[in-house]
């Protein structure tokens, strides 16, 4: 299945761009999975095994936080063009809407001194003070802040930490039993070796998520390939597991929802187009994870790697990721 894409994924490991890869390709009722390479390179080399848990990084945004926000929109507890300040009174700007946050068009900017060393309450207070630049709603600049604020809106409704809500409202109903925000260290593929934290394994790599803990909606989820296959298969056919999101809600994601409707992003998800100009949902994670969903063709690509191990200085991976996605979009079907 998709031989050119699979060959590129093997080259990622063969050329030592990543230690190892776990991937799945779904086409209609067929599925192809492979797990190869190493789990860890330092301080000792350990082979990658099936079922290993990965730090999904920003895939948390779309699997978890975006899905819960869509549930609240479905229930008419939220409206897409509501002001953020309506739900978060400490966020004082009156121009930024939920749509801006979901499409990364909020233009929220400003320097937060020592942001990776602040206590949780101080970091959140600083995020509430950010103001939008003049390009609010006019261009996409990807940032964590939008999904962190959306996580706070979820907490305002549920009165529970956002990560607990994601667990009960998304992970459990979808049968994603291995997925967790509190994994066992030995089950996890390690990420970066740092001077301050040592070898990061079983703890979230992202600095803001590490500070905010269970209150972070932008990162923190750990999962394995089998659980992400469950999520992808549900997204391709949401009627198979009723009660999480209505099929029409998932279907409407395959469109540009930016304020100008021409900036190439959906709600939470990015958009990519195949050779037939069919829209596909796409998202990446800093640690080396990415996923692409094509509901029309019933296709999906899931790739899990720890490209930040042992060092996050791995720009070549980003070039390869783009090449892999382009190849897959041209090859699938």
C-alpha atoms as a PDB file:
ATOM      1  CA  UNK A   1       0.000   0.000   0.000  1.00  0.00           C
ATOM      2  CA  UNK A   2       1.417   3.407  -1.025  1.00  0.00           C
ATOM      3  CA  UNK A   3       4.869   1.983  -1.706  1.00  0.00           C
ATOM      4  CA  UNK A   4       6.598   5.327  -2.331  1.00  0.00           C
ATOM      5  CA  UNK A   5       5.332   6.746   0.969  1.00  0.00           C
ATOM      6  CA  UNK A   6       6.354   3.610   2.858  1.00  0.00           C
ATOM      7  CA  UNK A   7       9.816   3.731   1.274  1.00  0.00           C
ATOM      8  CA  UNK A   8      10.304   7.335   2.439  1.00  0.00           C
ATOM      9  CA  UNK A   9       9.294   6.365   5.980  1.00  0.00           C
ATOM     10  CA  UNK A  10      11.923   3.619   5.983  1.00  0.00           C
ATOM     11  CA  UNK A  11      14.502   6.095   4.704  1.00  0.00           C
ATOM     12  CA  UNK A  12      13.783   8.303   7.737  1.00  0.00           C
ATOM     13  CA  UNK A  13      15.287   5.562   9.888  1.00  0.00           C
ATOM     14  CA  UNK A  14      17.875   4.273   7.414  1.00  0.00           C
ATOM     15  CA  UNK A  15      19.339   7.780   7.044  1.00  0.00           C
ATOM     16  CA  UNK A  16      19.212   8.321  10.828  1.00  0.00           C
ATOM     17  CA  UNK A  17      16.798  11.262  10.596  1.00  0.00           C
ATOM     18  CA  UNK A  18      14.713   9.661  13.355  1.00  0.00           C
ATOM     19  CA  UNK A  19      15.504   6.727  15.665  1.00  0.00           C
ATOM     20  CA  UNK A  20      12.396   4.754  14.725  1.00  0.00           C
ATOM     21  CA  UNK A  21       8.935   4.927  13.145  1.00  0.00           C
ATOM     22  CA  UNK A  22       5.506   3.490  13.869  1.00  0.00           C
ATOM     23  CA  UNK A  23       3.070   4.148  11.037  1.00  0.00           C
ATOM     24  CA  UNK A  24      -0.350   3.141   9.776  1.00  0.00           C
ATOM     25  CA  UNK A  25      -2.017   3.633   6.418  1.00  0.00           C
ATOM     26  CA  UNK A  26      -5.755   3.126   6.101  1.00  0.00           C
ATOM     27  CA  UNK A  27      -7.479   2.687   2.752  1.00  0.00           C
ATOM     28  CA  UNK A  28     -11.172   1.773   2.907  1.00  0.00           C
ATOM     29  CA  UNK A  29     -11.255  -1.431   4.979  1.00  0.00           C
ATOM     30  CA  UNK A  30      -7.564  -2.221   4.495  1.00  0.00           C
ATOM     31  CA  UNK A  31      -4.874  -1.196   6.958  1.00  0.00           C
ATOM     32  CA  UNK A  32      -1.104  -1.464   6.793  1.00  0.00           C
ATOM     33  CA  UNK A  33       1.075  -0.926   9.859  1.00  0.00           C
ATOM     34  CA  UNK A  34       4.794  -1.184  10.507  1.00  0.00           C
ATOM     35  CA  UNK A  35       7.019  -0.579  13.520  1.00  0.00           C
ATOM     36  CA  UNK A  36      10.776  -0.402  12.939  1.00  0.00           C
ATOM     37  CA  UNK A  37      13.985   1.207  14.158  1.00  0.00           C
ATOM     38  CA  UNK A  38      14.909   2.146  17.695  1.00  0.00           C
ATOM     39  CA  UNK A  39      12.976   3.499  20.646  1.00  0.00           C
ATOM     40  CA  UNK A  40      16.043   5.075  22.217  1.00  0.00           C
ATOM     41  CA  UNK A  41      19.594   5.984  21.220  1.00  0.00           C
ATOM     42  CA  UNK A  42      21.022   7.421  24.456  1.00  0.00           C
ATOM     43  CA  UNK A  43      22.229   6.582  27.017  1.00  0.00           C
ATOM     44  CA  UNK A  44      21.778   3.101  25.515  1.00  0.00           C
ATOM     45  CA  UNK A  45      20.202   1.858  22.291  1.00  0.00           C
ATOM     46  CA  UNK A  46      16.835   0.157  22.735  1.00  0.00           C
ATOM     47  CA  UNK A  47      14.750  -1.279  19.887  1.00  0.00           C
ATOM     48  CA  UNK A  48      11.273   0.082  19.188  1.00  0.00           C
ATOM     49  CA  UNK A  49       8.455  -2.270  20.123  1.00  0.00           C
ATOM     50  CA  UNK A  50       4.805  -2.432  19.152  1.00  0.00           C
ATOM     51  CA  UNK A  51       2.476  -0.636  21.558  1.00  0.00           C
ATOM     52  CA  UNK A  52       5.024   1.974  22.624  1.00  0.00           C
ATOM     53  CA  UNK A  53       3.503   5.244  23.800  1.00  0.00           C
ATOM     54  CA  UNK A  54       4.541   8.477  22.082  1.00  0.00           C
ATOM     55  CA  UNK A  55       4.350  12.047  23.309  1.00  0.00           C
ATOM     56  CA  UNK A  56       1.853  13.269  20.703  1.00  0.00           C
ATOM     57  CA  UNK A  57       2.650  16.950  21.350  1.00  0.00           C
ATOM     58  CA  UNK A  58       0.253  19.122  19.326  1.00  0.00           C
ATOM     59  CA  UNK A  59      -1.860  16.217  18.097  1.00  0.00           C
ATOM     60  CA  UNK A  60      -3.385  16.738  21.558  1.00  0.00           C
ATOM     61  CA  UNK A  61      -4.930  19.906  20.120  1.00  0.00           C
ATOM     62  CA  UNK A  62      -7.036  18.125  17.512  1.00  0.00           C
ATOM     63  CA  UNK A  63      -7.655  14.724  19.100  1.00  0.00           C
ATOM     64  CA  UNK A  64      -8.607  16.225  22.442  1.00  0.00           C
ATOM     65  CA  UNK A  65      -9.279  19.931  22.847  1.00  0.00           C
ATOM     66  CA  UNK A  66     -10.765  20.603  19.407  1.00  0.00           C
ATOM     67  CA  UNK A  67     -13.074  17.577  19.702  1.00  0.00           C
ATOM     68  CA  UNK A  68     -14.432  18.755  23.078  1.00  0.00           C
ATOM     69  CA  UNK A  69     -14.940  22.302  21.743  1.00  0.00           C
ATOM     70  CA  UNK A  70     -16.862  20.823  18.787  1.00  0.00           C
ATOM     71  CA  UNK A  71     -19.026  18.919  21.272  1.00  0.00           C
ATOM     72  CA  UNK A  72     -19.821  22.182  23.066  1.00  0.00           C
ATOM     73  CA  UNK A  73     -20.617  23.854  19.736  1.00  0.00           C
ATOM     74  CA  UNK A  74     -22.927  20.966  18.825  1.00  0.00           C
ATOM     75  CA  UNK A  75     -24.709  21.323  22.161  1.00  0.00           C
ATOM     76  CA  UNK A  76     -25.093  25.052  21.457  1.00  0.00           C
ATOM     77  CA  UNK A  77     -23.260  25.918  24.658  1.00  0.00           C
ATOM     78  CA  UNK A  78     -20.794  27.858  22.501  1.00  0.00           C
ATOM     79  CA  UNK A  79     -21.021  29.732  19.232  1.00  0.00           C
ATOM     80  CA  UNK A  80     -18.088  29.941  16.858  1.00  0.00           C
ATOM     81  CA  UNK A  81     -18.042  33.734  16.705  1.00  0.00           C
ATOM     82  CA  UNK A  82     -18.525  34.317  20.421  1.00  0.00           C
ATOM     83  CA  UNK A  83     -15.906  36.504  22.080  1.00  0.00           C
ATOM     84  CA  UNK A  84     -13.332  34.671  24.183  1.00  0.00           C
ATOM     85  CA  UNK A  85     -13.894  37.230  26.971  1.00  0.00           C
ATOM     86  CA  UNK A  86     -17.500  36.035  27.290  1.00  0.00           C
ATOM     87  CA  UNK A  87     -16.217  32.788  28.819  1.00  0.00           C
ATOM     88  CA  UNK A  88     -12.884  33.959  30.235  1.00  0.00           C
ATOM     89  CA  UNK A  89     -13.463  37.319  31.979  1.00  0.00           C
ATOM     90  CA  UNK A  90      -9.753  37.605  32.837  1.00  0.00           C
ATOM     91  CA  UNK A  91      -9.048  37.736  29.095  1.00  0.00           C
ATOM     92  CA  UNK A  92      -9.755  41.402  28.578  1.00  0.00           C
ATOM     93  CA  UNK A  93      -9.568  41.854  24.801  1.00  0.00           C
ATOM     94  CA  UNK A  94     -13.046  42.094  23.298  1.00  0.00           C
ATOM     95  CA  UNK A  95     -12.112  41.386  19.666  1.00  0.00           C
ATOM     96  CA  UNK A  96     -10.777  37.823  19.756  1.00  0.00           C
ATOM     97  CA  UNK A  97     -13.339  35.076  19.053  1.00  0.00           C
ATOM     98  CA  UNK A  98     -13.388  31.294  19.336  1.00  0.00           C
ATOM     99  CA  UNK A  99     -13.041  31.115  15.542  1.00  0.00           C
ATOM    100  CA  UNK A 100      -9.811  33.101  15.774  1.00  0.00           C
ATOM    101  CA  UNK A 101      -8.414  30.670  18.365  1.00  0.00           C
ATOM    102  CA  UNK A 102      -9.448  27.542  16.453  1.00  0.00           C
ATOM    103  CA  UNK A 103      -8.017  28.759  13.141  1.00  0.00           C
ATOM    104  CA  UNK A 104      -4.807  30.317  14.510  1.00  0.00           C
ATOM    105  CA  UNK A 105      -5.842  33.762  13.266  1.00  0.00           C
ATOM    106  CA  UNK A 106      -6.029  35.415  16.723  1.00  0.00           C
ATOM    107  CA  UNK A 107      -2.782  37.392  16.196  1.00  0.00           C
ATOM    108  CA  UNK A 108      -2.155  37.207  19.948  1.00  0.00           C
ATOM    109  CA  UNK A 109       1.359  38.393  20.531  1.00  0.00           C
ATOM    110  CA  UNK A 110       3.665  39.789  23.152  1.00  0.00           C
ATOM    111  CA  UNK A 111       6.803  38.793  24.996  1.00  0.00           C
ATOM    112  CA  UNK A 112       6.412  36.824  28.233  1.00  0.00           C
ATOM    113  CA  UNK A 113       9.661  37.045  30.169  1.00  0.00           C
ATOM    114  CA  UNK A 114      10.955  33.715  31.501  1.00  0.00           C
ATOM    115  CA  UNK A 115       7.788  32.003  30.240  1.00  0.00           C
ATOM    116  CA  UNK A 116       9.264  28.504  30.559  1.00  0.00           C
ATOM    117  CA  UNK A 117      10.176  29.072  34.219  1.00  0.00           C
ATOM    118  CA  UNK A 118       6.972  30.690  35.508  1.00  0.00           C
ATOM    119  CA  UNK A 119       4.653  28.933  37.984  1.00  0.00           C
ATOM    120  CA  UNK A 120       1.351  27.788  36.385  1.00  0.00           C
ATOM    121  CA  UNK A 121      -0.791  30.643  37.751  1.00  0.00           C
ATOM    122  CA  UNK A 122       1.689  33.299  36.608  1.00  0.00           C
ATOM    123  CA  UNK A 123       2.036  31.773  33.145  1.00  0.00           C
ATOM    124  CA  UNK A 124      -1.725  31.657  32.653  1.00  0.00           C
ATOM    125  CA  UNK A 125      -2.110  35.222  33.947  1.00  0.00           C
ATOM    126  CA  UNK A 126       0.516  36.360  31.447  1.00  0.00           C
ATOM    127  CA  UNK A 127      -1.265  34.581  28.581  1.00  0.00           C
ATOM    128  CA  UNK A 128      -4.480  36.433  29.443  1.00  0.00           C
ATOM    129  CA  UNK A 129      -2.711  39.773  28.937  1.00  0.00           C
ATOM    130  CA  UNK A 130      -1.644  39.126  25.326  1.00  0.00           C
ATOM    131  CA  UNK A 131      -3.213  41.420  22.725  1.00  0.00           C
ATOM    132  CA  UNK A 132      -3.906  40.802  19.032  1.00  0.00           C
ATOM    133  CA  UNK A 133      -1.748  42.452  16.393  1.00  0.00           C
ATOM    134  CA  UNK A 134      -3.192  44.463  13.529  1.00  0.00           C
ATOM    135  CA  UNK A 135      -3.545  41.364  11.341  1.00  0.00           C
ATOM    136  CA  UNK A 136      -6.220  39.797  13.566  1.00  0.00           C
ATOM    137  CA  UNK A 137      -8.293  37.464  11.389  1.00  0.00           C
ATOM    138  CA  UNK A 138      -6.265  38.200   8.258  1.00  0.00           C
ATOM    139  CA  UNK A 139      -3.549  35.540   8.319  1.00  0.00           C
ATOM    140  CA  UNK A 140      -2.661  32.267   9.995  1.00  0.00           C
ATOM    141  CA  UNK A 141       0.212  32.120  12.465  1.00  0.00           C
ATOM    142  CA  UNK A 142       0.288  28.801  14.278  1.00  0.00           C
ATOM    143  CA  UNK A 143       0.619  29.133  18.067  1.00  0.00           C
ATOM    144  CA  UNK A 144      -0.126  27.175  21.258  1.00  0.00           C
ATOM    145  CA  UNK A 145      -1.932  30.021  22.988  1.00  0.00           C
ATOM    146  CA  UNK A 146      -5.251  29.520  21.153  1.00  0.00           C
ATOM    147  CA  UNK A 147      -5.689  25.928  22.247  1.00  0.00           C
ATOM    148  CA  UNK A 148      -4.509  26.705  25.782  1.00  0.00           C
ATOM    149  CA  UNK A 149      -7.262  29.341  26.038  1.00  0.00           C
ATOM    150  CA  UNK A 150      -9.807  26.947  24.528  1.00  0.00           C
ATOM    151  CA  UNK A 151      -8.775  24.452  27.218  1.00  0.00           C
ATOM    152  CA  UNK A 152      -9.575  27.089  29.831  1.00  0.00           C
ATOM    153  CA  UNK A 153     -13.008  27.601  28.253  1.00  0.00           C
ATOM    154  CA  UNK A 154     -13.611  23.846  28.523  1.00  0.00           C
ATOM    155  CA  UNK A 155     -12.673  24.018  32.209  1.00  0.00           C
ATOM    156  CA  UNK A 156     -15.141  26.893  32.704  1.00  0.00           C
ATOM    157  CA  UNK A 157     -17.951  24.602  31.549  1.00  0.00           C
ATOM    158  CA  UNK A 158     -16.893  21.339  33.167  1.00  0.00           C
ATOM    159  CA  UNK A 159     -15.219  22.660  36.347  1.00  0.00           C
ATOM    160  CA  UNK A 160     -12.570  19.982  35.860  1.00  0.00           C
ATOM    161  CA  UNK A 161      -9.068  20.028  34.354  1.00  0.00           C
ATOM    162  CA  UNK A 162      -9.210  19.991  30.564  1.00  0.00           C
ATOM    163  CA  UNK A 163      -7.115  16.839  30.352  1.00  0.00           C
ATOM    164  CA  UNK A 164      -9.597  15.004  32.588  1.00  0.00           C
ATOM    165  CA  UNK A 165     -12.438  16.184  30.343  1.00  0.00           C
ATOM    166  CA  UNK A 166     -10.652  14.957  27.211  1.00  0.00           C
ATOM    167  CA  UNK A 167     -10.213  11.567  28.883  1.00  0.00           C
ATOM    168  CA  UNK A 168     -13.893  11.146  29.779  1.00  0.00           C
ATOM    169  CA  UNK A 169     -15.470  12.819  26.732  1.00  0.00           C
ATOM    170  CA  UNK A 170     -13.173  11.641  23.915  1.00  0.00           C
ATOM    171  CA  UNK A 171     -10.646   8.946  24.809  1.00  0.00           C
ATOM    172  CA  UNK A 172     -12.932   6.617  26.759  1.00  0.00           C
ATOM    173  CA  UNK A 173     -15.935   6.754  24.383  1.00  0.00           C
ATOM    174  CA  UNK A 174     -13.624   5.995  21.446  1.00  0.00           C
ATOM    175  CA  UNK A 175     -12.069   3.028  23.246  1.00  0.00           C
ATOM    176  CA  UNK A 176      -8.616   4.611  23.271  1.00  0.00           C
ATOM    177  CA  UNK A 177      -7.654   2.715  26.408  1.00  0.00           C
ATOM    178  CA  UNK A 178      -3.886   3.109  26.105  1.00  0.00           C
ATOM    179  CA  UNK A 179      -4.079   6.890  25.621  1.00  0.00           C
ATOM    180  CA  UNK A 180      -3.281   8.888  28.737  1.00  0.00           C
ATOM    181  CA  UNK A 181      -1.858  12.108  30.126  1.00  0.00           C
ATOM    182  CA  UNK A 182      -0.111  10.191  32.936  1.00  0.00           C
ATOM    183  CA  UNK A 183       1.777   7.321  31.284  1.00  0.00           C
ATOM    184  CA  UNK A 184       4.159   4.826  32.811  1.00  0.00           C
ATOM    185  CA  UNK A 185       7.695   5.903  31.957  1.00  0.00           C
ATOM    186  CA  UNK A 186       8.855   2.478  30.765  1.00  0.00           C
ATOM    187  CA  UNK A 187       6.069   2.311  28.173  1.00  0.00           C
ATOM    188  CA  UNK A 188       7.092   5.599  26.546  1.00  0.00           C
ATOM    189  CA  UNK A 189       9.410   6.446  23.701  1.00  0.00           C
ATOM    190  CA  UNK A 190      11.829   9.065  25.111  1.00  0.00           C
ATOM    191  CA  UNK A 191      12.139  12.514  23.599  1.00  0.00           C
ATOM    192  CA  UNK A 192      14.908  15.041  24.178  1.00  0.00           C
ATOM    193  CA  UNK A 193      17.998  14.787  26.340  1.00  0.00           C
ATOM    194  CA  UNK A 194      18.235  18.223  27.989  1.00  0.00           C
ATOM    195  CA  UNK A 195      20.594  19.933  30.411  1.00  0.00           C
ATOM    196  CA  UNK A 196      17.761  20.884  32.775  1.00  0.00           C
ATOM    197  CA  UNK A 197      15.446  17.861  32.662  1.00  0.00           C
ATOM    198  CA  UNK A 198      17.796  15.071  31.627  1.00  0.00           C
ATOM    199  CA  UNK A 199      16.315  12.412  29.328  1.00  0.00           C
ATOM    200  CA  UNK A 200      12.628  13.257  29.000  1.00  0.00           C
ATOM    201  CA  UNK A 201      10.566  10.070  29.074  1.00  0.00           C
ATOM    202  CA  UNK A 202       6.970   9.685  30.203  1.00  0.00           C
ATOM    203  CA  UNK A 203       6.662  13.432  30.780  1.00  0.00           C
ATOM    204  CA  UNK A 204       5.436  15.961  28.255  1.00  0.00           C
ATOM    205  CA  UNK A 205       8.247  17.551  26.227  1.00  0.00           C
ATOM    206  CA  UNK A 206       6.505  20.898  25.600  1.00  0.00           C
ATOM    207  CA  UNK A 207       7.637  23.540  28.145  1.00  0.00           C
ATOM    208  CA  UNK A 208       4.266  25.286  28.617  1.00  0.00           C
ATOM    209  CA  UNK A 209       2.442  21.961  28.891  1.00  0.00           C
ATOM    210  CA  UNK A 210       5.015  20.799  31.453  1.00  0.00           C
ATOM    211  CA  UNK A 211       4.262  23.872  33.576  1.00  0.00           C
ATOM    212  CA  UNK A 212       0.460  23.835  33.192  1.00  0.00           C
ATOM    213  CA  UNK A 213       0.065  20.083  33.658  1.00  0.00           C
ATOM    214  CA  UNK A 214      -3.527  18.814  33.604  1.00  0.00           C
ATOM    215  CA  UNK A 215      -4.768  22.298  32.734  1.00  0.00           C
ATOM    216  CA  UNK A 216      -3.056  22.359  29.330  1.00  0.00           C
ATOM    217  CA  UNK A 217      -5.112  21.834  26.188  1.00  0.00           C
ATOM    218  CA  UNK A 218      -2.289  22.234  23.675  1.00  0.00           C
ATOM    219  CA  UNK A 219      -0.082  19.208  24.457  1.00  0.00           C
ATOM    220  CA  UNK A 220       0.373  16.404  26.979  1.00  0.00           C
ATOM    221  CA  UNK A 221      -1.382  13.386  25.472  1.00  0.00           C
ATOM    222  CA  UNK A 222       0.512  10.103  25.101  1.00  0.00           C
ATOM    223  CA  UNK A 223      -0.801   7.396  22.795  1.00  0.00           C
ATOM    224  CA  UNK A 224       0.200   4.432  20.672  1.00  0.00           C
ATOM    225  CA  UNK A 225      -0.369   3.515  17.050  1.00  0.00           C
ATOM    226  CA  UNK A 226      -3.327   1.214  17.707  1.00  0.00           C
ATOM    227  CA  UNK A 227      -5.262   3.922  19.551  1.00  0.00           C
ATOM    228  CA  UNK A 228      -4.593   6.488  16.830  1.00  0.00           C
ATOM    229  CA  UNK A 229      -5.899   3.995  14.267  1.00  0.00           C
ATOM    230  CA  UNK A 230      -9.102   3.836  16.343  1.00  0.00           C
ATOM    231  CA  UNK A 231      -9.336   7.626  16.317  1.00  0.00           C
ATOM    232  CA  UNK A 232      -8.678   7.865  12.569  1.00  0.00           C
ATOM    233  CA  UNK A 233     -11.207   5.146  11.695  1.00  0.00           C
ATOM    234  CA  UNK A 234     -13.824   6.957  13.773  1.00  0.00           C
ATOM    235  CA  UNK A 235     -13.043  10.285  12.093  1.00  0.00           C
ATOM    236  CA  UNK A 236     -13.449   8.627   8.681  1.00  0.00           C
ATOM    237  CA  UNK A 237     -16.797   7.098   9.712  1.00  0.00           C
ATOM    238  CA  UNK A 238     -18.088   8.915  12.834  1.00  0.00           C
ATOM    239  CA  UNK A 239     -21.474   7.183  12.681  1.00  0.00           C
ATOM    240  CA  UNK A 240     -19.753   3.982  13.839  1.00  0.00           C
ATOM    241  CA  UNK A 241     -19.365   5.342  17.384  1.00  0.00           C
ATOM    242  CA  UNK A 242     -22.367   7.582  18.057  1.00  0.00           C
ATOM    243  CA  UNK A 243     -22.413  10.175  20.794  1.00  0.00           C
ATOM    244  CA  UNK A 244     -18.949  11.671  20.393  1.00  0.00           C
ATOM    245  CA  UNK A 245     -19.553  13.971  17.408  1.00  0.00           C
ATOM    246  CA  UNK A 246     -22.352  14.002  14.867  1.00  0.00           C
ATOM    247  CA  UNK A 247     -21.287  12.925  11.345  1.00  0.00           C
ATOM    248  CA  UNK A 248     -22.279  16.331   9.969  1.00  0.00           C
ATOM    249  CA  UNK A 249     -19.943  18.056  12.459  1.00  0.00           C
ATOM    250  CA  UNK A 250     -17.001  15.966  11.280  1.00  0.00           C
ATOM    251  CA  UNK A 251     -17.973  16.499   7.628  1.00  0.00           C
ATOM    252  CA  UNK A 252     -18.000  20.287   7.988  1.00  0.00           C
ATOM    253  CA  UNK A 253     -14.374  20.223   9.138  1.00  0.00           C
ATOM    254  CA  UNK A 254     -13.285  19.612   5.528  1.00  0.00           C
ATOM    255  CA  UNK A 255     -13.657  23.309   4.701  1.00  0.00           C
ATOM    256  CA  UNK A 256     -11.858  26.588   5.338  1.00  0.00           C
ATOM    257  CA  UNK A 257     -13.243  28.125   8.542  1.00  0.00           C
ATOM    258  CA  UNK A 258     -10.898  31.106   8.811  1.00  0.00           C
ATOM    259  CA  UNK A 259     -12.616  34.529   9.040  1.00  0.00           C
ATOM    260  CA  UNK A 260     -11.863  35.221   5.362  1.00  0.00           C
ATOM    261  CA  UNK A 261     -12.500  31.588   4.297  1.00  0.00           C
ATOM    262  CA  UNK A 262      -9.381  31.562   2.138  1.00  0.00           C
ATOM    263  CA  UNK A 263      -6.465  30.987   4.549  1.00  0.00           C
ATOM    264  CA  UNK A 264      -6.371  27.200   4.423  1.00  0.00           C
ATOM    265  CA  UNK A 265      -7.322  26.137   7.935  1.00  0.00           C
ATOM    266  CA  UNK A 266     -10.283  24.328   9.380  1.00  0.00           C
ATOM    267  CA  UNK A 267     -11.335  24.324  13.040  1.00  0.00           C
ATOM    268  CA  UNK A 268      -8.279  23.053  14.901  1.00  0.00           C
ATOM    269  CA  UNK A 269      -7.067  21.150  11.856  1.00  0.00           C
ATOM    270  CA  UNK A 270      -4.923  22.283   8.946  1.00  0.00           C
ATOM    271  CA  UNK A 271      -6.085  21.523   5.393  1.00  0.00           C
ATOM    272  CA  UNK A 272      -4.141  19.764   2.649  1.00  0.00           C
ATOM    273  CA  UNK A 273      -5.398  18.883  -0.841  1.00  0.00           C
ATOM    274  CA  UNK A 274      -4.725  15.750  -2.893  1.00  0.00           C
ATOM    275  CA  UNK A 275      -4.196  15.487  -6.647  1.00  0.00           C
ATOM    276  CA  UNK A 276      -7.977  15.634  -7.180  1.00  0.00           C
ATOM    277  CA  UNK A 277      -8.196  18.791  -5.029  1.00  0.00           C
ATOM    278  CA  UNK A 278     -10.010  16.830  -2.317  1.00  0.00           C
ATOM    279  CA  UNK A 279      -9.553  18.493   1.100  1.00  0.00           C
ATOM    280  CA  UNK A 280      -7.864  16.430   3.807  1.00  0.00           C
ATOM    281  CA  UNK A 281      -7.432  17.155   7.507  1.00  0.00           C
ATOM    282  CA  UNK A 282      -3.820  17.402   8.651  1.00  0.00           C
ATOM    283  CA  UNK A 283      -1.929  18.101  11.859  1.00  0.00           C
ATOM    284  CA  UNK A 284       1.564  17.680  13.222  1.00  0.00           C
ATOM    285  CA  UNK A 285       3.286  17.442  16.588  1.00  0.00           C
ATOM    286  CA  UNK A 286       6.674  18.965  17.444  1.00  0.00           C
ATOM    287  CA  UNK A 287       8.016  15.649  18.740  1.00  0.00           C
ATOM    288  CA  UNK A 288       7.737  14.019  15.303  1.00  0.00           C
ATOM    289  CA  UNK A 289       4.103  12.948  15.012  1.00  0.00           C
ATOM    290  CA  UNK A 290       1.663  13.683  12.197  1.00  0.00           C
ATOM    291  CA  UNK A 291      -1.696  12.561  10.871  1.00  0.00           C
ATOM    292  CA  UNK A 292      -3.659  13.093   7.659  1.00  0.00           C
ATOM    293  CA  UNK A 293      -7.332  12.151   7.172  1.00  0.00           C
ATOM    294  CA  UNK A 294      -9.277  11.882   3.909  1.00  0.00           C
ATOM    295  CA  UNK A 295     -12.913  11.182   4.706  1.00  0.00           C
ATOM    296  CA  UNK A 296     -14.084  11.184   1.070  1.00  0.00           C
ATOM    297  CA  UNK A 297     -11.634   8.470   0.017  1.00  0.00           C
ATOM    298  CA  UNK A 298     -11.641   6.751   3.445  1.00  0.00           C
ATOM    299  CA  UNK A 299      -7.850   7.115   3.630  1.00  0.00           C
ATOM    300  CA  UNK A 300      -5.574   7.999   6.532  1.00  0.00           C
ATOM    301  CA  UNK A 301      -1.866   8.255   7.259  1.00  0.00           C
ATOM    302  CA  UNK A 302      -0.568   8.176  10.842  1.00  0.00           C
ATOM    303  CA  UNK A 303       3.154   8.583  11.529  1.00  0.00           C
ATOM    304  CA  UNK A 304       4.736   8.464  14.982  1.00  0.00           C
ATOM    305  CA  UNK A 305       8.417   9.177  15.588  1.00  0.00           C
ATOM    306  CA  UNK A 306      10.586  10.803  18.243  1.00  0.00           C
ATOM    307  CA  UNK A 307      12.467  13.179  15.943  1.00  0.00           C
ATOM    308  CA  UNK A 308      13.601  15.276  18.954  1.00  0.00           C
ATOM    309  CA  UNK A 309      15.606  12.357  20.399  1.00  0.00           C
ATOM    310  CA  UNK A 310      18.258  12.909  21.498  1.00  0.00           C
ATOM    311  CA  UNK A 311      18.243  16.521  20.248  1.00  0.00           C
ATOM    312  CA  UNK A 312      15.438  18.821  19.110  1.00  0.00           C
ATOM    313  CA  UNK A 313      17.832  20.366  16.584  1.00  0.00           C
ATOM    314  CA  UNK A 314      16.503  18.302  13.671  1.00  0.00           C
ATOM    315  CA  UNK A 315      15.317  20.634  10.925  1.00  0.00           C
ATOM    316  CA  UNK A 316      15.909  18.076   8.183  1.00  0.00           C
ATOM    317  CA  UNK A 317      12.987  16.054   9.545  1.00  0.00           C
ATOM    318  CA  UNK A 318      10.625  18.913   8.652  1.00  0.00           C
ATOM    319  CA  UNK A 319      11.737  18.782   5.009  1.00  0.00           C
ATOM    320  CA  UNK A 320      11.230  15.027   4.944  1.00  0.00           C
ATOM    321  CA  UNK A 321       7.815  15.322   6.590  1.00  0.00           C
ATOM    322  CA  UNK A 322       6.667  17.687   3.839  1.00  0.00           C
ATOM    323  CA  UNK A 323       8.006  15.287   1.206  1.00  0.00           C
ATOM    324  CA  UNK A 324       6.224  12.338   2.821  1.00  0.00           C
ATOM    325  CA  UNK A 325       2.896  14.171   2.929  1.00  0.00           C
ATOM    326  CA  UNK A 326       3.236  15.367  -0.674  1.00  0.00           C
ATOM    327  CA  UNK A 327       4.055  11.828  -1.802  1.00  0.00           C
ATOM    328  CA  UNK A 328       1.141  10.350   0.112  1.00  0.00           C
ATOM    329  CA  UNK A 329      -1.327  12.912  -1.262  1.00  0.00           C
ATOM    330  CA  UNK A 330      -0.185  12.073  -4.793  1.00  0.00           C
ATOM    331  CA  UNK A 331      -0.124   8.310  -4.233  1.00  0.00           C
ATOM    332  CA  UNK A 332      -3.163   7.398  -2.106  1.00  0.00           C
ATOM    333  CA  UNK A 333      -6.294   5.923  -3.732  1.00  0.00           C
END
